[in-house]
PDB file of N, CA and C in Angstrom:
ATOM      1  N   UNK A   1       0.829  -1.127  -0.046  1.00  0.00           N
ATOM      2  CA  UNK A   1      -0.010  -0.006   0.038  1.00  0.00           C
ATOM      3  C   UNK A   1       0.902   1.250  -0.023  1.00  0.00           C
ATOM      4  N   UNK A   2       0.291   2.279  -0.390  1.00  0.00           N
ATOM      5  CA  UNK A   2       1.145   3.498  -0.415  1.00  0.00           C
ATOM      6  C   UNK A   2       0.241   4.645  -0.845  1.00  0.00           C
ATOM      7  N   UNK A   3      -0.519   4.468  -1.844  1.00  0.00           N
ATOM      8  CA  UNK A   3      -1.336   5.756  -2.278  1.00  0.00           C
ATOM      9  C   UNK A   3      -2.533   5.758  -1.416  1.00  0.00           C
ATOM     10  N   UNK A   4      -3.039   7.065  -1.379  1.00  0.00           N
ATOM     11  CA  UNK A   4      -4.190   7.412  -0.411  1.00  0.00           C
ATOM     12  C   UNK A   4      -5.312   6.582  -0.700  1.00  0.00           C
ATOM     13  N   UNK A   5      -5.701   6.292  -1.979  1.00  0.00           N
ATOM     14  CA  UNK A   5      -6.931   5.551  -2.295  1.00  0.00           C
ATOM     15  C   UNK A   5      -6.871   4.121  -1.589  1.00  0.00           C
ATOM     16  N   UNK A   6      -5.745   3.503  -1.630  1.00  0.00           N
ATOM     17  CA  UNK A   6      -5.563   2.237  -1.012  1.00  0.00           C
ATOM     18  C   UNK A   6      -5.663   2.240   0.408  1.00  0.00           C
ATOM     19  N   UNK A   7      -5.077   3.303   1.095  1.00  0.00           N
ATOM     20  CA  UNK A   7      -5.218   3.475   2.591  1.00  0.00           C
ATOM     21  C   UNK A   7      -6.662   3.590   2.877  1.00  0.00           C
ATOM     22  N   UNK A   8      -7.253   4.586   2.211  1.00  0.00           N
ATOM     23  CA  UNK A   8      -8.734   4.787   2.552  1.00  0.00           C
ATOM     24  C   UNK A   8      -9.541   3.535   2.370  1.00  0.00           C
ATOM     25  N   UNK A   9      -9.305   2.743   1.209  1.00  0.00           N
ATOM     26  CA  UNK A   9      -9.990   1.556   1.118  1.00  0.00           C
ATOM     27  C   UNK A   9      -9.715   0.548   2.137  1.00  0.00           C
ATOM     28  N   UNK A  10      -8.507   0.433   2.630  1.00  0.00           N
ATOM     29  CA  UNK A  10      -8.209  -0.437   3.704  1.00  0.00           C
ATOM     30  C   UNK A  10      -8.801  -0.030   5.058  1.00  0.00           C
ATOM     31  N   UNK A  11      -8.908   1.365   5.268  1.00  0.00           N
ATOM     32  CA  UNK A  11      -9.531   1.738   6.440  1.00  0.00           C
ATOM     33  C   UNK A  11     -11.012   1.512   6.461  1.00  0.00           C
ATOM     34  N   UNK A  12     -11.714   1.723   5.321  1.00  0.00           N
ATOM     35  CA  UNK A  12     -13.050   1.401   5.285  1.00  0.00           C
ATOM     36  C   UNK A  12     -13.280  -0.126   5.464  1.00  0.00           C
ATOM     37  N   UNK A  13     -12.381  -0.878   4.909  1.00  0.00           N
ATOM     38  CA  UNK A  13     -12.525  -2.265   5.030  1.00  0.00           C
ATOM     39  C   UNK A  13     -12.469  -2.680   6.422  1.00  0.00           C
ATOM     40  N   UNK A  14     -11.545  -2.216   7.187  1.00  0.00           N
ATOM     41  CA  UNK A  14     -11.310  -2.497   8.635  1.00  0.00           C
ATOM     42  C   UNK A  14     -12.479  -2.079   9.398  1.00  0.00           C
ATOM     43  N   UNK A  15     -12.904  -0.806   9.169  1.00  0.00           N
ATOM     44  CA  UNK A  15     -14.086  -0.276   9.975  1.00  0.00           C
ATOM     45  C   UNK A  15     -15.324  -1.035   9.635  1.00  0.00           C
ATOM     46  N   UNK A  16     -15.546  -1.539   8.438  1.00  0.00           N
ATOM     47  CA  UNK A  16     -16.771  -2.334   8.150  1.00  0.00           C
ATOM     48  C   UNK A  16     -16.648  -3.621   8.810  1.00  0.00           C
ATOM     49  N   UNK A  17     -15.463  -4.248   8.715  1.00  0.00           N
ATOM     50  CA  UNK A  17     -15.283  -5.539   9.364  1.00  0.00           C
ATOM     51  C   UNK A  17     -15.593  -5.482  10.925  1.00  0.00           C
ATOM     52  N   UNK A  18     -15.244  -4.376  11.529  1.00  0.00           N
ATOM     53  CA  UNK A  18     -15.579  -4.145  12.866  1.00  0.00           C
ATOM     54  C   UNK A  18     -16.988  -3.767  13.152  1.00  0.00           C
ATOM     55  N   UNK A  19     -17.750  -3.408  12.025  1.00  0.00           N
ATOM     56  CA  UNK A  19     -19.164  -3.103  12.139  1.00  0.00           C
ATOM     57  C   UNK A  19     -19.383  -1.516  12.344  1.00  0.00           C
ATOM     58  N   UNK A  20     -18.539  -0.762  12.157  1.00  0.00           N
ATOM     59  CA  UNK A  20     -18.656   0.682  12.281  1.00  0.00           C
ATOM     60  C   UNK A  20     -19.347   1.253  11.096  1.00  0.00           C
ATOM     61  N   UNK A  21     -20.362   2.211  11.334  1.00  0.00           N
ATOM     62  CA  UNK A  21     -21.015   2.750  10.308  1.00  0.00           C
ATOM     63  C   UNK A  21     -20.125   3.627   9.423  1.00  0.00           C
ATOM     64  N   UNK A  22     -20.392   3.743   8.104  1.00  0.00           N
ATOM     65  CA  UNK A  22     -19.484   4.452   7.059  1.00  0.00           C
ATOM     66  C   UNK A  22     -19.398   5.760   7.466  1.00  0.00           C
ATOM     67  N   UNK A  23     -20.473   6.462   7.990  1.00  0.00           N
ATOM     68  CA  UNK A  23     -20.243   7.890   8.356  1.00  0.00           C
ATOM     69  C   UNK A  23     -19.341   8.072   9.535  1.00  0.00           C
ATOM     70  N   UNK A  24     -19.111   7.170  10.413  1.00  0.00           N
ATOM     71  CA  UNK A  24     -18.176   7.304  11.452  1.00  0.00           C
ATOM     72  C   UNK A  24     -16.705   7.003  10.911  1.00  0.00           C
ATOM     73  N   UNK A  25     -16.661   6.010   9.997  1.00  0.00           N
ATOM     74  CA  UNK A  25     -15.342   5.806   9.413  1.00  0.00           C
ATOM     75  C   UNK A  25     -14.912   7.027   8.601  1.00  0.00           C
ATOM     76  N   UNK A  26     -15.722   7.633   7.807  1.00  0.00           N
ATOM     77  CA  UNK A  26     -15.467   8.639   7.017  1.00  0.00           C
ATOM     78  C   UNK A  26     -14.950   9.914   7.927  1.00  0.00           C
ATOM     79  N   UNK A  27     -15.668  10.212   9.023  1.00  0.00           N
ATOM     80  CA  UNK A  27     -15.353  11.270   9.829  1.00  0.00           C
ATOM     81  C   UNK A  27     -14.046  11.008  10.647  1.00  0.00           C
ATOM     82  N   UNK A  28     -13.851   9.731  10.913  1.00  0.00           N
ATOM     83  CA  UNK A  28     -12.595   9.386  11.546  1.00  0.00           C
ATOM     84  C   UNK A  28     -11.334   9.697  10.673  1.00  0.00           C
ATOM     85  N   UNK A  29     -11.617   9.365   9.378  1.00  0.00           N
ATOM     86  CA  UNK A  29     -10.494   9.531   8.354  1.00  0.00           C
ATOM     87  C   UNK A  29     -10.254  11.048   8.124  1.00  0.00           C
ATOM     88  N   UNK A  30     -11.283  11.963   8.189  1.00  0.00           N
ATOM     89  CA  UNK A  30     -11.185  13.334   8.007  1.00  0.00           C
ATOM     90  C   UNK A  30     -10.672  14.059   9.225  1.00  0.00           C
ATOM     91  N   UNK A  31      -9.355  14.178   9.300  1.00  0.00           N
ATOM     92  CA  UNK A  31      -8.683  14.701  10.483  1.00  0.00           C
ATOM     93  C   UNK A  31      -9.300  16.052  10.953  1.00  0.00           C
ATOM     94  N   UNK A  32      -9.685  16.888  10.067  1.00  0.00           N
ATOM     95  CA  UNK A  32     -10.243  18.132  10.407  1.00  0.00           C
ATOM     96  C   UNK A  32     -11.592  17.986  11.136  1.00  0.00           C
ATOM     97  N   UNK A  33     -12.460  17.072  10.694  1.00  0.00           N
ATOM     98  CA  UNK A  33     -13.727  16.713  11.408  1.00  0.00           C
ATOM     99  C   UNK A  33     -13.362  16.048  12.713  1.00  0.00           C
ATOM    100  N   UNK A  34     -12.350  15.138  12.633  1.00  0.00           N
ATOM    101  CA  UNK A  34     -12.121  14.388  13.848  1.00  0.00           C
ATOM    102  C   UNK A  34     -11.710  15.342  14.955  1.00  0.00           C
ATOM    103  N   UNK A  35     -10.916  16.439  14.718  1.00  0.00           N
ATOM    104  CA  UNK A  35     -10.575  17.430  15.644  1.00  0.00           C
ATOM    105  C   UNK A  35     -11.684  17.970  16.290  1.00  0.00           C
ATOM    106  N   UNK A  36     -12.860  18.215  15.697  1.00  0.00           N
ATOM    107  CA  UNK A  36     -13.979  18.864  16.145  1.00  0.00           C
ATOM    108  C   UNK A  36     -15.093  17.844  16.581  1.00  0.00           C
ATOM    109  N   UNK A  37     -14.709  16.581  16.626  1.00  0.00           N
ATOM    110  CA  UNK A  37     -15.725  15.642  16.961  1.00  0.00           C
ATOM    111  C   UNK A  37     -16.291  15.637  18.308  1.00  0.00           C
ATOM    112  N   UNK A  38     -17.596  15.825  18.442  1.00  0.00           N
ATOM    113  CA  UNK A  38     -18.326  16.013  19.687  1.00  0.00           C
ATOM    114  C   UNK A  38     -17.996  15.070  20.826  1.00  0.00           C
ATOM    115  N   UNK A  39     -17.859  13.716  20.319  1.00  0.00           N
ATOM    116  CA  UNK A  39     -17.597  12.764  21.328  1.00  0.00           C
ATOM    117  C   UNK A  39     -16.180  12.953  21.933  1.00  0.00           C
ATOM    118  N   UNK A  40     -15.183  13.175  21.014  1.00  0.00           N
ATOM    119  CA  UNK A  40     -13.858  13.465  21.486  1.00  0.00           C
ATOM    120  C   UNK A  40     -13.781  14.703  22.384  1.00  0.00           C
ATOM    121  N   UNK A  41     -14.466  15.705  21.929  1.00  0.00           N
ATOM    122  CA  UNK A  41     -14.442  16.925  22.882  1.00  0.00           C
ATOM    123  C   UNK A  41     -15.054  16.786  24.133  1.00  0.00           C
ATOM    124  N   UNK A  42     -16.164  15.991  24.233  1.00  0.00           N
ATOM    125  CA  UNK A  42     -16.822  15.643  25.446  1.00  0.00           C
ATOM    126  C   UNK A  42     -15.882  14.874  26.310  1.00  0.00           C
ATOM    127  N   UNK A  43     -15.044  13.950  25.735  1.00  0.00           N
ATOM    128  CA  UNK A  43     -14.085  13.171  26.608  1.00  0.00           C
ATOM    129  C   UNK A  43     -13.130  14.067  27.234  1.00  0.00           C
ATOM    130  N   UNK A  44     -12.668  15.154  26.564  1.00  0.00           N
ATOM    131  CA  UNK A  44     -11.618  16.113  27.096  1.00  0.00           C
ATOM    132  C   UNK A  44     -12.415  17.084  28.076  1.00  0.00           C
ATOM    133  N   UNK A  45     -13.546  17.434  27.913  1.00  0.00           N
ATOM    134  CA  UNK A  45     -14.176  18.353  28.760  1.00  0.00           C
ATOM    135  C   UNK A  45     -15.051  17.880  29.910  1.00  0.00           C
ATOM    136  N   UNK A  46     -15.600  16.712  29.657  1.00  0.00           N
ATOM    137  CA  UNK A  46     -16.264  16.130  30.839  1.00  0.00           C
ATOM    138  C   UNK A  46     -16.409  14.563  30.622  1.00  0.00           C
ATOM    139  N   UNK A  47     -15.292  13.914  30.844  1.00  0.00           N
ATOM    140  CA  UNK A  47     -15.206  12.501  30.575  1.00  0.00           C
ATOM    141  C   UNK A  47     -16.181  11.696  31.393  1.00  0.00           C
ATOM    142  N   UNK A  48     -16.459  12.302  32.608  1.00  0.00           N
ATOM    143  CA  UNK A  48     -17.555  11.578  33.429  1.00  0.00           C
ATOM    144  C   UNK A  48     -18.900  11.533  32.766  1.00  0.00           C
ATOM    145  N   UNK A  49     -19.263  12.613  32.038  1.00  0.00           N
ATOM    146  CA  UNK A  49     -20.499  12.686  31.429  1.00  0.00           C
ATOM    147  C   UNK A  49     -20.583  11.574  30.265  1.00  0.00           C
ATOM    148  N   UNK A  50     -19.516  11.501  29.540  1.00  0.00           N
ATOM    149  CA  UNK A  50     -19.351  10.526  28.373  1.00  0.00           C
ATOM    150  C   UNK A  50     -19.427   9.119  29.027  1.00  0.00           C
ATOM    151  N   UNK A  51     -18.770   8.751  30.096  1.00  0.00           N
ATOM    152  CA  UNK A  51     -18.799   7.463  30.740  1.00  0.00           C
ATOM    153  C   UNK A  51     -20.255   7.137  31.171  1.00  0.00           C
ATOM    154  N   UNK A  52     -20.995   8.179  31.563  1.00  0.00           N
ATOM    155  CA  UNK A  52     -22.425   7.923  31.986  1.00  0.00           C
ATOM    156  C   UNK A  52     -23.349   7.797  30.901  1.00  0.00           C
ATOM    157  N   UNK A  53     -23.123   8.644  29.944  1.00  0.00           N
ATOM    158  CA  UNK A  53     -24.032   8.678  28.768  1.00  0.00           C
ATOM    159  C   UNK A  53     -23.840   7.554  27.733  1.00  0.00           C
ATOM    160  N   UNK A  54     -22.545   7.153  27.694  1.00  0.00           N
ATOM    161  CA  UNK A  54     -22.207   6.137  26.661  1.00  0.00           C
ATOM    162  C   UNK A  54     -21.254   5.037  27.315  1.00  0.00           C
ATOM    163  N   UNK A  55     -21.593   4.434  28.415  1.00  0.00           N
ATOM    164  CA  UNK A  55     -20.795   3.577  29.069  1.00  0.00           C
ATOM    165  C   UNK A  55     -20.399   2.331  28.362  1.00  0.00           C
ATOM    166  N   UNK A  56     -21.226   1.948  27.320  1.00  0.00           N
ATOM    167  CA  UNK A  56     -20.820   0.652  26.561  1.00  0.00           C
ATOM    168  C   UNK A  56     -19.932   0.884  25.532  1.00  0.00           C
ATOM    169  N   UNK A  57     -19.679   2.103  24.963  1.00  0.00           N
ATOM    170  CA  UNK A  57     -18.655   2.366  24.021  1.00  0.00           C
ATOM    171  C   UNK A  57     -17.472   3.229  24.521  1.00  0.00           C
ATOM    172  N   UNK A  58     -17.580   3.619  25.870  1.00  0.00           N
ATOM    173  CA  UNK A  58     -16.495   4.376  26.419  1.00  0.00           C
ATOM    174  C   UNK A  58     -15.434   3.436  26.521  1.00  0.00           C
ATOM    175  N   UNK A  59     -14.291   3.769  26.054  1.00  0.00           N
ATOM    176  CA  UNK A  59     -12.969   3.076  26.031  1.00  0.00           C
ATOM    177  C   UNK A  59     -12.937   1.884  25.217  1.00  0.00           C
ATOM    178  N   UNK A  60     -13.818   1.738  24.287  1.00  0.00           N
ATOM    179  CA  UNK A  60     -13.912   0.632  23.331  1.00  0.00           C
ATOM    180  C   UNK A  60     -12.928   0.800  22.202  1.00  0.00           C
ATOM    181  N   UNK A  61     -12.658   2.105  21.840  1.00  0.00           N
ATOM    182  CA  UNK A  61     -11.840   2.400  20.670  1.00  0.00           C
ATOM    183  C   UNK A  61     -12.670   2.929  19.618  1.00  0.00           C
ATOM    184  N   UNK A  62     -13.955   2.856  19.604  1.00  0.00           N
ATOM    185  CA  UNK A  62     -14.906   3.271  18.628  1.00  0.00           C
ATOM    186  C   UNK A  62     -15.182   4.773  18.902  1.00  0.00           C
ATOM    187  N   UNK A  63     -15.026   5.587  18.026  1.00  0.00           N
ATOM    188  CA  UNK A  63     -15.292   7.010  18.044  1.00  0.00           C
ATOM    189  C   UNK A  63     -16.458   7.340  17.168  1.00  0.00           C
ATOM    190  N   UNK A  64     -17.667   7.532  17.637  1.00  0.00           N
ATOM    191  CA  UNK A  64     -18.914   7.749  16.786  1.00  0.00           C
ATOM    192  C   UNK A  64     -18.709   9.129  16.130  1.00  0.00           C
ATOM    193  N   UNK A  65     -19.227   9.311  14.869  1.00  0.00           N
ATOM    194  CA  UNK A  65     -19.241  10.590  14.307  1.00  0.00           C
ATOM    195  C   UNK A  65     -20.185  11.459  15.017  1.00  0.00           C
ATOM    196  N   UNK A  66     -20.063  12.759  14.689  1.00  0.00           N
ATOM    197  CA  UNK A  66     -20.944  13.743  15.419  1.00  0.00           C
ATOM    198  C   UNK A  66     -22.513  13.400  15.290  1.00  0.00           C
ATOM    199  N   UNK A  67     -22.969  12.991  14.148  1.00  0.00           N
ATOM    200  CA  UNK A  67     -24.307  12.657  13.779  1.00  0.00           C
ATOM    201  C   UNK A  67     -24.724  11.448  14.682  1.00  0.00           C
ATOM    202  N   UNK A  68     -23.911  10.454  14.641  1.00  0.00           N
ATOM    203  CA  UNK A  68     -24.322   9.271  15.468  1.00  0.00           C
ATOM    204  C   UNK A  68     -24.229   9.497  17.028  1.00  0.00           C
ATOM    205  N   UNK A  69     -23.271  10.259  17.481  1.00  0.00           N
ATOM    206  CA  UNK A  69     -23.158  10.562  18.898  1.00  0.00           C
ATOM    207  C   UNK A  69     -24.316  11.281  19.396  1.00  0.00           C
ATOM    208  N   UNK A  70     -24.917  12.198  18.598  1.00  0.00           N
ATOM    209  CA  UNK A  70     -26.118  13.057  18.939  1.00  0.00           C
ATOM    210  C   UNK A  70     -27.419  12.282  18.697  1.00  0.00           C
ATOM    211  N   UNK A  71     -27.440  11.349  17.758  1.00  0.00           N
ATOM    212  CA  UNK A  71     -28.704  10.761  17.323  1.00  0.00           C
ATOM    213  C   UNK A  71     -29.085   9.460  17.998  1.00  0.00           C
ATOM    214  N   UNK A  72     -27.946   8.712  18.399  1.00  0.00           N
ATOM    215  CA  UNK A  72     -28.308   7.398  19.058  1.00  0.00           C
ATOM    216  C   UNK A  72     -27.825   7.292  20.425  1.00  0.00           C
ATOM    217  N   UNK A  73     -28.639   6.427  21.145  1.00  0.00           N
ATOM    218  CA  UNK A  73     -28.218   6.152  22.527  1.00  0.00           C
ATOM    219  C   UNK A  73     -27.107   5.168  22.487  1.00  0.00           C
ATOM    220  N   UNK A  74     -26.468   4.884  23.592  1.00  0.00           N
ATOM    221  CA  UNK A  74     -25.348   3.962  23.687  1.00  0.00           C
ATOM    222  C   UNK A  74     -25.767   2.558  23.166  1.00  0.00           C
ATOM    223  N   UNK A  75     -26.911   2.119  23.606  1.00  0.00           N
ATOM    224  CA  UNK A  75     -27.452   0.807  23.218  1.00  0.00           C
ATOM    225  C   UNK A  75     -27.803   0.772  21.715  1.00  0.00           C
ATOM    226  N   UNK A  76     -28.286   1.824  21.161  1.00  0.00           N
ATOM    227  CA  UNK A  76     -28.549   1.815  19.741  1.00  0.00           C
ATOM    228  C   UNK A  76     -27.273   1.817  18.914  1.00  0.00           C
ATOM    229  N   UNK A  77     -26.232   2.416  19.439  1.00  0.00           N
ATOM    230  CA  UNK A  77     -24.904   2.409  18.737  1.00  0.00           C
ATOM    231  C   UNK A  77     -24.422   1.006  18.676  1.00  0.00           C
ATOM    232  N   UNK A  78     -24.410   0.382  19.854  1.00  0.00           N
ATOM    233  CA  UNK A  78     -23.846  -1.029  19.958  1.00  0.00           C
ATOM    234  C   UNK A  78     -24.754  -1.964  19.123  1.00  0.00           C
ATOM    235  N   UNK A  79     -25.907  -1.816  19.088  1.00  0.00           N
ATOM    236  CA  UNK A  79     -26.848  -2.631  18.352  1.00  0.00           C
ATOM    237  C   UNK A  79     -26.522  -2.549  16.779  1.00  0.00           C
ATOM    238  N   UNK A  80     -26.369  -1.212  16.264  1.00  0.00           N
ATOM    239  CA  UNK A  80     -26.039  -0.985  14.919  1.00  0.00           C
ATOM    240  C   UNK A  80     -24.675  -1.642  14.512  1.00  0.00           C
ATOM    241  N   UNK A  81     -23.754  -1.535  15.478  1.00  0.00           N
ATOM    242  CA  UNK A  81     -22.293  -2.069  15.192  1.00  0.00           C
ATOM    243  C   UNK A  81     -22.447  -3.692  15.091  1.00  0.00           C
ATOM    244  N   UNK A  82     -23.142  -4.157  16.086  1.00  0.00           N
ATOM    245  CA  UNK A  82     -23.240  -5.636  16.285  1.00  0.00           C
ATOM    246  C   UNK A  82     -24.094  -6.223  15.005  1.00  0.00           C
ATOM    247  N   UNK A  83     -24.980  -5.547  14.428  1.00  0.00           N
ATOM    248  CA  UNK A  83     -25.622  -5.960  13.336  1.00  0.00           C
ATOM    249  C   UNK A  83     -24.786  -6.032  12.005  1.00  0.00           C
ATOM    250  N   UNK A  84     -23.781  -5.206  11.962  1.00  0.00           N
ATOM    251  CA  UNK A  84     -22.964  -5.068  10.761  1.00  0.00           C
ATOM    252  C   UNK A  84     -21.651  -5.692  10.975  1.00  0.00           C
ATOM    253  N   UNK A  85     -21.362  -6.187  12.126  1.00  0.00           N
ATOM    254  CA  UNK A  85     -20.068  -6.671  12.507  1.00  0.00           C
ATOM    255  C   UNK A  85     -19.665  -7.978  11.788  1.00  0.00           C
ATOM    256  N   UNK A  86     -18.581  -8.122  11.258  1.00  0.00           N
ATOM    257  CA  UNK A  86     -18.079  -9.284  10.718  1.00  0.00           C
ATOM    258  C   UNK A  86     -17.060 -10.024  11.504  1.00  0.00           C
ATOM    259  N   UNK A  87     -16.404  -9.256  12.444  1.00  0.00           N
ATOM    260  CA  UNK A  87     -15.453  -9.849  13.256  1.00  0.00           C
ATOM    261  C   UNK A  87     -16.070 -10.820  14.222  1.00  0.00           C
ATOM    262  N   UNK A  88     -15.364 -11.891  14.374  1.00  0.00           N
ATOM    263  CA  UNK A  88     -15.951 -13.108  15.138  1.00  0.00           C
ATOM    264  C   UNK A  88     -16.226 -12.820  16.680  1.00  0.00           C
ATOM    265  N   UNK A  89     -15.522 -11.823  17.246  1.00  0.00           N
ATOM    266  CA  UNK A  89     -15.742 -11.492  18.622  1.00  0.00           C
ATOM    267  C   UNK A  89     -16.793 -10.402  18.682  1.00  0.00           C
ATOM    268  N   UNK A  90     -17.631 -10.422  19.754  1.00  0.00           N
ATOM    269  CA  UNK A  90     -18.571  -9.318  19.972  1.00  0.00           C
ATOM    270  C   UNK A  90     -17.874  -7.977  20.175  1.00  0.00           C
ATOM    271  N   UNK A  91     -18.497  -6.888  19.889  1.00  0.00           N
ATOM    272  CA  UNK A  91     -17.989  -5.584  20.142  1.00  0.00           C
ATOM    273  C   UNK A  91     -17.670  -5.440  21.545  1.00  0.00           C
ATOM    274  N   UNK A  92     -16.494  -4.911  21.900  1.00  0.00           N
ATOM    275  CA  UNK A  92     -16.003  -4.833  23.351  1.00  0.00           C
ATOM    276  C   UNK A  92     -16.958  -3.778  24.046  1.00  0.00           C
ATOM    277  N   UNK A  93     -17.370  -4.082  25.165  1.00  0.00           N
ATOM    278  CA  UNK A  93     -18.210  -3.173  25.927  1.00  0.00           C
ATOM    279  C   UNK A  93     -17.680  -3.050  27.413  1.00  0.00           C
ATOM    280  N   UNK A  94     -17.291  -1.826  27.797  1.00  0.00           N
ATOM    281  CA  UNK A  94     -16.751  -1.752  29.088  1.00  0.00           C
ATOM    282  C   UNK A  94     -17.760  -0.922  29.981  1.00  0.00           C
ATOM    283  N   UNK A  95     -18.557  -1.671  30.791  1.00  0.00           N
ATOM    284  CA  UNK A  95     -19.289  -1.011  31.743  1.00  0.00           C
ATOM    285  C   UNK A  95     -18.540  -0.288  32.841  1.00  0.00           C
ATOM    286  N   UNK A  96     -19.000   0.997  33.015  1.00  0.00           N
ATOM    287  CA  UNK A  96     -18.250   1.701  34.070  1.00  0.00           C
ATOM    288  C   UNK A  96     -19.348   2.002  35.207  1.00  0.00           C
ATOM    289  N   UNK A  97     -18.956   1.998  36.368  1.00  0.00           N
ATOM    290  CA  UNK A  97     -19.844   2.396  37.445  1.00  0.00           C
ATOM    291  C   UNK A  97     -20.410   3.765  37.298  1.00  0.00           C
ATOM    292  N   UNK A  98     -21.565   3.929  37.645  1.00  0.00           N
ATOM    293  CA  UNK A  98     -22.232   5.279  37.525  1.00  0.00           C
ATOM    294  C   UNK A  98     -21.665   6.147  38.619  1.00  0.00           C
ATOM    295  N   UNK A  99     -21.563   7.379  38.251  1.00  0.00           N
ATOM    296  CA  UNK A  99     -21.015   8.447  39.220  1.00  0.00           C
ATOM    297  C   UNK A  99     -22.170   8.703  40.117  1.00  0.00           C
ATOM    298  N   UNK A 100     -21.923   8.575  41.414  1.00  0.00           N
ATOM    299  CA  UNK A 100     -22.998   8.646  42.418  1.00  0.00           C
ATOM    300  C   UNK A 100     -23.011  10.060  43.085  1.00  0.00           C
ATOM    301  N   UNK A 101     -21.949  10.530  43.710  1.00  0.00           N
ATOM    302  CA  UNK A 101     -21.971  11.776  44.348  1.00  0.00           C
ATOM    303  C   UNK A 101     -20.627  12.462  44.221  1.00  0.00           C
ATOM    304  N   UNK A 102     -20.517  13.829  44.559  1.00  0.00           N
ATOM    305  CA  UNK A 102     -19.218  14.411  44.469  1.00  0.00           C
ATOM    306  C   UNK A 102     -18.156  13.821  45.269  1.00  0.00           C
ATOM    307  N   UNK A 103     -18.611  13.111  46.466  1.00  0.00           N
ATOM    308  CA  UNK A 103     -17.594  12.495  47.310  1.00  0.00           C
ATOM    309  C   UNK A 103     -17.104  11.090  46.857  1.00  0.00           C
ATOM    310  N   UNK A 104     -17.779  10.563  45.822  1.00  0.00           N
ATOM    311  CA  UNK A 104     -17.339   9.146  45.397  1.00  0.00           C
ATOM    312  C   UNK A 104     -16.722   9.380  44.003  1.00  0.00           C
ATOM    313  N   UNK A 105     -15.876   8.347  43.797  1.00  0.00           N
ATOM    314  CA  UNK A 105     -15.046   8.322  42.493  1.00  0.00           C
ATOM    315  C   UNK A 105     -15.931   7.422  41.607  1.00  0.00           C
ATOM    316  N   UNK A 106     -15.984   7.690  40.389  1.00  0.00           N
ATOM    317  CA  UNK A 106     -16.619   6.834  39.364  1.00  0.00           C
ATOM    318  C   UNK A 106     -15.716   5.905  38.734  1.00  0.00           C
TER     319      UNK A 106
END
């Protein structure tokens, strides 16, 4: 591989193998959009909120595009991925304990 078209084709192939929606793969490839990705920004500004709102994809490696992050619940995102996933292992999900109070760590 070497030219950009082959790299893009390989990235889409891998993303689809893992079950990721094309819109998310496309935005991940577009570094300018990725820099302003709502999910990534939320991780940097309020990681706790992301862990609470999307505990099943939090730390999975999947970065939803802006549209999917805003339009789908955590469960809906995982369901979409699982329906399209070709990888033999299920989508990794990392349940994190819910944040309870200011005095407790999440």
